[in-house]
């Protein structure tokens, strides 16, 4: 028997959107427009749209999903990531049977609990208590089963005082607390959660992530849409990357997050040639800089522990080779706190001879910076004499990543920025020595 619980085959969803129309603010405007139209020469030949009448060319048509196909096995925790309007929420609504696809088909085997947006699945006039039983009945549960979970749901949602109040009087935070508690505790075989968790406070978000981890640990399937890349890496066993309604990546969460950061990056080679706030003889001059990932794609965001290259373009003053060049990249926090320096001479040796122009690459394996934003300076000297020095030559945003390779994400609980150090811990006690 197949263990595939979700199968989507060429799912497409088309929406009709509004287009700009001529506005008539007053009755007089409307009458004047109608009068002019009555006597215009184009009365029987209305103007043609600037785009062809085919579906793809119509300005009032958008494909939220187009030809999306994937499979999810029982027990998988799959993160769905992508930029806004990539089609993530539309996919979950189709899988939750909230909306129908324009074409294609989706098969779901098992009881589905969904938390897609504030208000989904709740009746505003009913109390929190009534909605718990209503949602349980919709999942096919018996009253005895719901009774068994009831106290656990209320305790998780932390809304005991308001359980007999109509949910239309709940705040958005209270709504989400109860909705997630219901979706997670009524034992659906498939749990579908959208970014709606962002409505809750930080403590409740952590609580929800732990609960989804427990659900996954019980062998149930989870689909999770989030812009929180740390949560996707920490919770999911697999991630799918969407762009323009199509799947463009499917694989390990860290790999997909790196691809997402690269594709959503606005990074480009930064021109330094016009910078006037520089010091040095100009014997060698920095003219451009970019940060690239291991695939050579420019980025402005990286993960803790990710390999990156800083590519610096240069040109010599006299258009001749230069000798004994030492280049530096120095990282600081946004508050000008020194982090570390990369020197070509310290790492190997000074460049004995460089052509008149080219690129220098500083490779940083396993980026050791904690999450936060950083700036870097560029410095060079020729024969021990400062040739070029540019402050704030570039910036880098660092996101949470598995720096230590333990599956636990590296982050600071109290503040951003910092330096990560590879280390190990041992226990040396008299008892252990005597046993040895």
Protein backbone atom coordinates (compact mmCIF):
# COMPACT_ATOMS: atom_id res chain seq x y z
CA UNK A 1 0.00 0.00 0.00
CA UNK A 2 1.38 3.42 -0.95
CA UNK A 3 2.39 5.78 1.86
CA UNK A 4 1.68 8.87 -0.25
CA UNK A 5 -0.98 10.94 1.52
CA UNK A 6 -0.98 14.03 -0.74
CA UNK A 7 -0.60 13.98 -4.50
CA UNK A 8 -1.04 17.08 -6.67
CA UNK A 9 -1.01 16.70 -10.44
CA UNK A 10 -0.63 19.82 -12.60
CA UNK A 11 -2.68 22.00 -10.27
CA UNK A 12 -3.58 25.38 -11.72
CA UNK A 13 -5.68 28.16 -10.28
CA UNK A 14 -6.79 31.20 -12.24
CA UNK A 15 -8.20 34.35 -10.66
CA UNK A 16 -9.90 37.29 -12.26
CA UNK A 17 -8.64 40.57 -10.82
CA UNK A 18 -9.85 44.14 -11.08
CA UNK A 19 -8.46 46.45 -13.76
CA UNK A 20 -8.29 50.22 -13.78
CA UNK A 21 -11.42 51.77 -15.20
CA UNK A 22 -12.33 55.37 -15.95
CA UNK A 23 -13.71 56.99 -12.83
CA UNK A 24 -16.72 59.31 -12.78
CA UNK A 25 -16.93 61.07 -9.45
CA UNK A 26 -20.25 62.83 -9.97
CA UNK A 27 -23.56 62.34 -11.77
CA UNK A 28 -22.59 65.26 -14.03
CA UNK A 29 -19.37 63.43 -15.04
CA UNK A 30 -21.36 60.31 -15.92
CA UNK A 31 -23.92 62.28 -17.99
CA UNK A 32 -21.20 64.14 -19.90
CA UNK A 33 -19.37 60.88 -20.63
CA UNK A 34 -22.58 59.19 -21.81
CA UNK A 35 -23.47 62.17 -24.02
CA UNK A 36 -20.03 62.18 -25.66
CA UNK A 37 -20.17 58.43 -26.20
CA UNK A 38 -23.57 58.71 -27.87
CA UNK A 39 -22.22 60.95 -30.62
CA UNK A 40 -18.72 59.54 -30.93
CA UNK A 41 -17.67 57.85 -34.16
CA UNK A 42 -16.61 54.74 -32.28
CA UNK A 43 -20.12 54.01 -31.04
CA UNK A 44 -20.29 50.63 -32.78
CA UNK A 45 -16.58 49.85 -32.51
CA UNK A 46 -15.39 50.02 -28.92
CA UNK A 47 -11.61 50.36 -28.47
CA UNK A 48 -9.76 47.06 -28.45
CA UNK A 49 -7.63 46.08 -25.44
CA UNK A 50 -3.90 46.58 -25.80
CA UNK A 51 -3.31 42.87 -25.14
CA UNK A 52 -4.65 39.89 -27.08
CA UNK A 53 -7.83 38.27 -25.81
CA UNK A 54 -6.11 35.01 -24.86
CA UNK A 55 -6.21 34.07 -21.19
CA UNK A 56 -2.48 34.60 -20.64
CA UNK A 57 -2.60 38.03 -22.22
CA UNK A 58 -5.65 39.43 -20.46
CA UNK A 59 -4.83 42.11 -17.87
CA UNK A 60 -7.65 40.95 -15.58
CA UNK A 61 -6.36 37.37 -15.32
CA UNK A 62 -3.65 36.01 -13.02
CA UNK A 63 -2.42 32.46 -12.51
CA UNK A 64 -1.93 31.92 -8.77
CA UNK A 65 -0.81 28.33 -9.53
CA UNK A 66 0.23 26.94 -12.88
CA UNK A 67 1.05 23.29 -13.44
CA UNK A 68 2.03 22.54 -9.83
CA UNK A 69 2.81 18.88 -9.10
CA UNK A 70 4.25 17.20 -6.01
CA UNK A 71 3.80 14.28 -3.61
CA UNK A 72 3.98 14.12 0.18
CA UNK A 73 4.52 10.92 2.10
CA UNK A 74 3.02 10.05 5.44
CA UNK A 75 4.98 11.55 8.32
CA UNK A 76 6.80 14.16 6.23
CA UNK A 77 7.03 17.73 7.48
CA UNK A 78 7.14 19.88 4.36
CA UNK A 79 7.86 23.59 4.37
CA UNK A 80 6.37 25.65 1.55
CA UNK A 81 8.45 28.78 0.97
CA UNK A 82 8.58 31.57 -1.58
CA UNK A 83 8.03 35.27 -2.04
CA UNK A 84 4.65 36.93 -1.55
CA UNK A 85 2.17 36.01 -4.32
CA UNK A 86 4.18 32.89 -5.20
CA UNK A 87 1.06 30.71 -4.78
CA UNK A 88 1.71 29.22 -1.34
CA UNK A 89 -1.61 30.07 0.31
CA UNK A 90 -3.58 29.20 -2.83
CA UNK A 91 -2.01 25.73 -2.79
CA UNK A 92 -2.99 25.17 0.84
CA UNK A 93 -6.55 26.37 0.20
CA UNK A 94 -6.93 23.86 -2.62
CA UNK A 95 -5.52 21.04 -0.50
CA UNK A 96 -7.86 22.06 2.35
CA UNK A 97 -10.85 21.95 -0.02
CA UNK A 98 -11.57 25.65 0.58
CA UNK A 99 -11.26 26.47 -3.10
CA UNK A 100 -11.28 24.36 -6.26
CA UNK A 101 -8.50 24.31 -8.84
CA UNK A 102 -9.11 25.66 -12.33
CA UNK A 103 -7.43 22.56 -13.71
CA UNK A 104 -5.49 19.59 -12.42
CA UNK A 105 -6.32 17.40 -9.46
CA UNK A 106 -5.28 16.82 -5.86
CA UNK A 107 -5.66 13.61 -3.87
CA UNK A 108 -5.58 13.68 -0.07
CA UNK A 109 -5.75 10.52 2.02
CA UNK A 110 -6.52 11.22 5.65
CA UNK A 111 -8.24 13.61 8.01
CA UNK A 112 -7.10 17.22 7.44
CA UNK A 113 -6.81 19.96 10.06
CA UNK A 114 -6.16 23.41 8.60
CA UNK A 115 -5.16 26.76 10.02
CA UNK A 116 -4.96 29.11 7.06
CA UNK A 117 -6.24 32.52 8.13
CA UNK A 118 -7.95 34.10 11.10
CA UNK A 119 -11.59 33.02 11.06
CA UNK A 120 -11.30 29.95 8.86
CA UNK A 121 -13.50 27.13 10.13
CA UNK A 122 -15.08 29.06 13.03
CA UNK A 123 -18.62 30.33 13.28
CA UNK A 124 -18.49 33.87 14.73
CA UNK A 125 -21.80 33.61 16.57
CA UNK A 126 -20.85 30.40 18.39
CA UNK A 127 -18.77 30.28 21.54
CA UNK A 128 -15.27 28.93 21.71
CA UNK A 129 -16.65 25.76 23.30
CA UNK A 130 -19.21 25.28 20.53
CA UNK A 131 -16.62 25.82 17.82
CA UNK A 132 -14.35 23.15 19.30
CA UNK A 133 -17.14 20.58 19.01
CA UNK A 134 -18.14 21.87 15.57
CA UNK A 135 -14.60 21.51 14.24
CA UNK A 136 -14.26 18.07 15.78
CA UNK A 137 -17.48 16.95 14.13
CA UNK A 138 -16.23 18.29 10.79
CA UNK A 139 -13.13 16.11 11.21
CA UNK A 140 -15.38 13.09 11.77
CA UNK A 141 -14.65 12.79 15.49
CA UNK A 142 -17.16 11.56 18.02
CA UNK A 143 -18.17 13.66 21.00
CA UNK A 144 -16.39 11.25 23.35
CA UNK A 145 -13.11 11.80 21.46
CA UNK A 146 -13.53 15.58 21.58
CA UNK A 147 -14.32 15.47 25.32
CA UNK A 148 -11.06 13.59 25.85
CA UNK A 149 -9.09 16.43 24.21
CA UNK A 150 -11.17 19.37 25.42
CA UNK A 151 -9.24 20.35 28.56
CA UNK A 152 -5.92 20.00 26.71
CA UNK A 153 -7.13 22.35 23.98
CA UNK A 154 -8.29 25.00 26.46
CA UNK A 155 -5.05 24.82 28.43
CA UNK A 156 -2.95 25.20 25.27
CA UNK A 157 -4.99 28.16 24.00
CA UNK A 158 -4.92 29.86 27.43
CA UNK A 159 -8.43 31.28 27.03
CA UNK A 160 -10.26 29.51 29.88
CA UNK A 161 -12.09 32.67 30.94
CA UNK A 162 -13.49 33.26 27.45
CA UNK A 163 -14.39 29.73 26.38
CA UNK A 164 -18.14 30.46 26.61
CA UNK A 165 -17.90 33.83 24.84
CA UNK A 166 -18.86 34.10 21.13
CA UNK A 167 -15.65 34.07 19.11
CA UNK A 168 -16.72 37.21 17.23
CA UNK A 169 -15.65 39.07 20.38
CA UNK A 170 -12.18 37.48 20.41
CA UNK A 171 -9.09 39.44 19.49
CA UNK A 172 -7.09 38.12 16.51
CA UNK A 173 -4.53 36.70 18.94
CA UNK A 174 -7.17 34.82 20.95
CA UNK A 175 -8.71 33.57 17.71
CA UNK A 176 -5.40 32.15 16.51
CA UNK A 177 -4.64 30.57 19.90
CA UNK A 178 -7.90 28.64 19.87
CA UNK A 179 -7.78 27.84 16.16
CA UNK A 180 -4.29 26.35 16.35
CA UNK A 181 -5.11 24.44 19.52
CA UNK A 182 -8.13 22.90 17.82
CA UNK A 183 -6.27 22.11 14.60
CA UNK A 184 -3.33 20.49 16.39
CA UNK A 185 -5.08 18.62 19.21
CA UNK A 186 -8.03 17.04 17.43
CA UNK A 187 -5.56 14.56 15.91
CA UNK A 188 -5.81 15.22 12.18
CA UNK A 189 -3.69 12.88 10.10
CA UNK A 190 -2.58 15.89 8.03
CA UNK A 191 -1.97 19.31 9.60
CA UNK A 192 -1.86 22.32 7.26
CA UNK A 193 -0.63 25.60 8.74
CA UNK A 194 -0.19 28.94 6.97
CA UNK A 195 1.71 32.07 8.08
CA UNK A 196 -1.25 32.94 10.31
CA UNK A 197 0.90 32.00 13.32
CA UNK A 198 2.66 35.34 12.86
CA UNK A 199 -0.42 36.95 14.43
CA UNK A 200 0.43 35.43 17.81
CA UNK A 201 3.06 36.69 20.23
CA UNK A 202 6.62 35.30 20.18
CA UNK A 203 6.08 32.94 23.12
CA UNK A 204 2.96 31.45 21.56
CA UNK A 205 4.71 31.04 18.19
CA UNK A 206 7.44 28.97 19.89
CA UNK A 207 4.76 26.96 21.64
CA UNK A 208 3.05 26.24 18.31
CA UNK A 209 6.31 25.20 16.66
CA UNK A 210 7.02 22.77 19.49
CA UNK A 211 3.51 21.34 19.10
CA UNK A 212 3.97 20.89 15.35
CA UNK A 213 7.22 19.08 16.12
CA UNK A 214 5.28 16.78 18.49
CA UNK A 215 2.66 16.18 15.78
CA UNK A 216 5.37 15.25 13.30
CA UNK A 217 7.01 13.00 15.88
CA UNK A 218 3.77 11.04 16.11
CA UNK A 219 4.02 10.13 12.43
CA UNK A 220 1.47 12.62 11.18
CA UNK A 221 2.01 14.82 8.12
CA UNK A 222 2.53 18.58 8.31
CA UNK A 223 2.47 21.21 5.55
CA UNK A 224 3.87 24.50 6.82
CA UNK A 225 3.95 27.83 4.97
CA UNK A 226 6.21 30.42 6.56
CA UNK A 227 8.56 33.31 5.87
CA UNK A 228 10.44 32.34 9.04
CA UNK A 229 13.43 30.53 7.57
CA UNK A 230 14.64 29.45 11.01
CA UNK A 231 11.32 27.71 11.69
CA UNK A 232 11.38 25.99 8.29
CA UNK A 233 14.92 24.67 8.88
CA UNK A 234 14.21 23.63 12.46
CA UNK A 235 10.87 21.94 11.90
CA UNK A 236 10.78 20.58 8.35
CA UNK A 237 12.37 17.49 6.86
CA UNK A 238 11.86 18.84 3.34
CA UNK A 239 11.05 22.16 1.68
CA UNK A 240 9.42 23.18 -1.60
CA UNK A 241 10.23 26.54 -3.18
CA UNK A 242 7.49 28.25 -5.20
CA UNK A 243 7.83 31.11 -7.65
CA UNK A 244 5.07 32.56 -9.83
CA UNK A 245 2.75 29.67 -9.08
CA UNK A 246 5.26 26.97 -10.03
CA UNK A 247 7.58 24.74 -8.06
CA UNK A 248 11.20 25.69 -8.71
CA UNK A 249 12.93 23.69 -5.98
CA UNK A 250 12.29 20.64 -3.80
CA UNK A 251 14.83 19.25 -1.39
CA UNK A 252 16.53 19.59 2.02
CA UNK A 253 15.34 22.70 3.90
CA UNK A 254 18.78 24.31 4.17
CA UNK A 255 19.42 23.93 0.44
CA UNK A 256 16.01 25.36 -0.44
CA UNK A 257 16.41 28.26 2.00
CA UNK A 258 19.77 29.14 0.45
CA UNK A 259 18.16 29.04 -3.01
CA UNK A 260 15.27 31.19 -1.79
CA UNK A 261 17.60 33.78 -0.29
CA UNK A 262 19.61 33.87 -3.51
CA UNK A 263 16.53 34.20 -5.75
CA UNK A 264 14.88 36.86 -3.60
CA UNK A 265 18.10 38.82 -3.24
CA UNK A 266 18.39 42.22 -4.83
CA UNK A 267 22.16 41.95 -4.67
CA UNK A 268 24.33 43.02 -7.55
CA UNK A 269 27.95 43.95 -7.97
CA UNK A 270 28.39 47.23 -6.13
CA UNK A 271 30.27 49.90 -8.02
CA UNK A 272 33.09 51.40 -5.97
CA UNK A 273 34.85 53.29 -8.74
CA UNK A 274 32.99 56.53 -8.00
CA UNK A 275 33.55 56.46 -4.25
CA UNK A 276 35.40 59.64 -3.20
CA UNK A 277 35.59 58.81 0.53
CA UNK A 278 38.64 56.57 0.22
CA UNK A 279 42.25 56.74 1.33
CA UNK A 280 45.53 55.46 -0.11
CA UNK A 281 48.00 56.03 -2.93
CA UNK A 282 45.70 54.52 -5.56
CA UNK A 283 48.46 52.13 -6.69
CA UNK A 284 45.70 49.58 -6.79
CA UNK A 285 42.04 50.64 -6.68
CA UNK A 286 38.86 48.71 -5.82
CA UNK A 287 36.21 49.27 -8.51
CA UNK A 288 33.50 46.77 -7.54
CA UNK A 289 32.47 44.16 -4.97
CA UNK A 290 29.83 41.46 -4.64
CA UNK A 291 29.05 38.53 -2.33
CA UNK A 292 28.23 35.24 -4.05
CA UNK A 293 27.16 31.80 -2.85
CA UNK A 294 28.75 28.47 -3.72
CA UNK A 295 26.91 28.48 -7.06
CA UNK A 296 28.34 31.87 -7.97
CA UNK A 297 25.04 33.72 -7.59
CA UNK A 298 25.12 37.22 -6.04
CA UNK A 299 23.46 37.41 -2.62
CA UNK A 300 22.87 39.96 0.09
CA UNK A 301 21.67 37.38 2.66
CA UNK A 302 23.43 34.24 3.87
CA UNK A 303 22.91 31.57 6.53
CA UNK A 304 25.10 31.00 9.55
CA UNK A 305 27.67 28.42 8.46
CA UNK A 306 27.13 28.96 4.73
CA UNK A 307 30.15 29.13 2.41
CA UNK A 308 30.42 32.53 0.72
CA UNK A 309 32.86 34.32 -1.58
CA UNK A 310 33.56 38.04 -1.56
CA UNK A 311 34.55 39.00 -5.09
CA UNK A 312 36.48 42.26 -5.37
CA UNK A 313 37.24 43.84 -8.75
CA UNK A 314 40.36 46.00 -8.94
CA UNK A 315 42.42 48.08 -11.36
CA UNK A 316 46.00 49.31 -11.08
CA UNK A 317 46.84 53.00 -11.33
CA UNK A 318 49.31 52.80 -14.22
CA UNK A 319 47.63 49.92 -16.05
CA UNK A 320 50.65 47.75 -15.21
CA UNK A 321 51.14 44.65 -13.03
CA UNK A 322 51.56 45.34 -9.31
CA UNK A 323 53.69 43.43 -6.79
CA UNK A 324 53.42 42.43 -3.11
CA UNK A 325 49.71 43.18 -2.71
CA UNK A 326 47.92 42.45 0.56
CA UNK A 327 44.09 42.68 0.52
CA UNK A 328 41.75 42.78 3.55
CA UNK A 329 38.00 42.35 4.15
CA UNK A 330 36.96 43.46 7.64
CA UNK A 331 33.49 42.85 9.10
CA UNK A 332 31.73 45.09 11.63
CA UNK A 333 28.25 45.26 13.13
CA UNK A 334 25.97 48.14 12.21
CA UNK A 335 27.04 49.70 15.52
CA UNK A 336 30.67 49.65 14.35
CA UNK A 337 31.71 46.75 16.58
CA UNK A 338 34.64 44.84 15.09
CA UNK A 339 33.93 41.19 14.19
CA UNK A 340 36.86 39.77 12.21
CA UNK A 341 39.39 40.53 9.50
CA UNK A 342 40.38 38.44 6.48
CA UNK A 343 43.88 39.23 5.21
CA UNK A 344 45.36 37.63 2.10
CA UNK A 345 48.86 37.90 3.56
CA UNK A 346 47.88 36.36 6.91
CA UNK A 347 45.93 33.49 5.32
CA UNK A 348 48.63 32.54 2.81
CA UNK A 349 50.98 35.23 1.58
CA UNK A 350 50.83 38.54 -0.20
CA UNK A 351 50.07 38.36 -3.90
CA UNK A 352 53.58 38.44 -5.37
CA UNK A 353 52.28 39.83 -8.65
CA UNK A 354 48.85 40.78 -9.94
CA UNK A 355 47.83 41.72 -13.49
CA UNK A 356 46.81 45.30 -14.13
CA UNK A 357 43.13 44.47 -13.55
CA UNK A 358 41.07 41.52 -12.43
CA UNK A 359 39.21 40.08 -9.46
CA UNK A 360 40.33 38.95 -6.02
CA UNK A 361 38.21 36.35 -4.23
CA UNK A 362 38.05 35.99 -0.45
CA UNK A 363 36.51 32.59 0.33
CA UNK A 364 34.91 32.33 3.79
CA UNK A 365 33.91 28.75 4.63
CA UNK A 366 31.17 28.21 7.21
CA UNK A 367 30.38 31.88 7.80
CA UNK A 368 30.89 32.31 11.58
CA UNK A 369 28.56 35.28 12.11
CA UNK A 370 25.43 35.07 14.26
CA UNK A 371 22.12 36.32 12.82
CA UNK A 372 22.10 40.06 12.18
CA UNK A 373 23.21 42.74 9.74
CA UNK A 374 26.85 43.54 9.07
CA UNK A 375 28.99 45.91 7.01
CA UNK A 376 32.48 45.29 5.68
CA UNK A 377 35.42 47.49 4.74
CA UNK A 378 37.97 46.87 2.00
CA UNK A 379 41.69 47.61 2.41
CA UNK A 380 44.81 46.97 0.35
CA UNK A 381 48.47 47.84 0.52
CA UNK A 382 51.27 47.49 -2.00
CA UNK A 383 54.70 46.79 -0.56
CA UNK A 384 53.42 47.73 2.91
CA UNK A 385 52.04 51.11 1.83
CA UNK A 386 48.27 51.76 1.95
CA UNK A 387 46.91 51.71 -1.60
CA UNK A 388 43.11 51.80 -1.10
CA UNK A 389 40.82 51.82 1.92
CA UNK A 390 37.00 52.06 1.64
CA UNK A 391 34.74 52.08 4.71
CA UNK A 392 31.30 50.50 4.33
CA UNK A 393 32.12 48.94 0.98
CA UNK A 394 29.25 46.44 1.31
CA UNK A 395 26.62 44.91 3.60
CA UNK A 396 25.55 41.37 4.47
CA UNK A 397 22.46 40.12 6.29
CA UNK A 398 22.94 36.81 8.11
CA UNK A 399 19.96 34.54 8.82
CA UNK A 400 19.67 31.68 11.29
CA UNK A 401 21.40 28.47 10.17
CA UNK A 402 22.69 25.15 11.50
CA UNK A 403 26.25 26.37 12.10
CA UNK A 404 27.27 23.55 14.44
CA UNK A 405 25.80 20.78 12.29
CA UNK A 406 23.72 19.45 15.17
CA UNK A 407 20.30 20.19 13.73
CA UNK A 408 19.92 22.99 16.29
CA UNK A 409 19.79 26.47 14.85
CA UNK A 410 22.28 29.12 15.91
CA UNK A 411 20.72 32.28 17.28
CA UNK A 412 21.09 34.74 20.12
CA UNK A 413 18.18 34.92 22.50
CA UNK A 414 18.87 38.44 23.74
CA UNK A 415 20.33 40.35 20.80
CA UNK A 416 21.45 40.22 17.22
CA UNK A 417 25.02 40.04 15.96
CA UNK A 418 27.95 38.16 17.35
CA UNK A 419 30.61 35.66 16.51
CA UNK A 420 30.09 31.89 16.41
CA UNK A 421 32.90 29.59 17.53
CA UNK A 422 33.16 25.85 16.88
CA UNK A 423 33.53 24.09 20.24
CA UNK A 424 32.77 20.95 22.24
CA UNK A 425 31.91 20.24 25.86
CA UNK A 426 33.21 17.44 28.08
CA UNK A 427 32.45 16.35 31.60
CA UNK A 428 35.48 15.63 33.83
CA UNK A 429 34.42 14.52 37.29
CA UNK A 430 36.13 12.39 40.00
CA UNK A 431 33.53 9.70 39.41
CA UNK A 432 34.28 9.55 35.68
CA UNK A 433 38.04 9.41 36.38
CA UNK A 434 37.63 6.53 38.82
CA UNK A 435 35.50 4.65 36.31
CA UNK A 436 38.17 5.25 33.65
